[in-house]
Amino acid sequence: MATIQFCPECNNMLYPKEDRAEKKLLLSCRHCEYEKSAENPTVYIHKLKKDTAMRLDLVDPALAVDPTLPRTYDTNCDKCGGNEAVFFMSRSGGKDSDMALVFLCVNSDCHNKWLN
C-alpha cells in the first residue's frame, strides 16, 4: 500500500520524480530542494472511467403523467402492447454523442422505456 510522504524540512508533500541517469525513482519536494530515494519503485495511477451510456433505468416513471412532455399514439410498447407513450430528447452517450428519442409507456402497470 502506497502512503503519502511528507518533506521533513518544510512538511509539504513529496512527489515522484524519475532519475534517468541512475534509473531509479526519487521522492522530491516541490517547495525546497529535498529529495530521497523511493522505498517502493512503483508509481500508482488511479484512473476513473466515467460511464456515459444512456441509462434507461434512471428515467423516472413519473414522467408518464408529465403534461409538458409530448405524447404519441403511433407507437407500440414491446412489453404491454400499448400505443401511447411520452417522449423526449436525450444524449445517447457522452458529451459529444448523438441525441436520441427516449420513449416511456404511459400504462401505469408497464412504464417500459426504450430508445428510438
Foldseek 3Di string as FASTA:
>chain_A
DDDWDADPPPRHTWDWDADVVVGFIWTADPPDGDIDGDPDRDDDDDDDDDWFADDPVPDDLVVLPDPVFDKFQCPADPPPRGRIWTWDWDFRGDDPGDIWIWIFDSPPVDRDIDTD
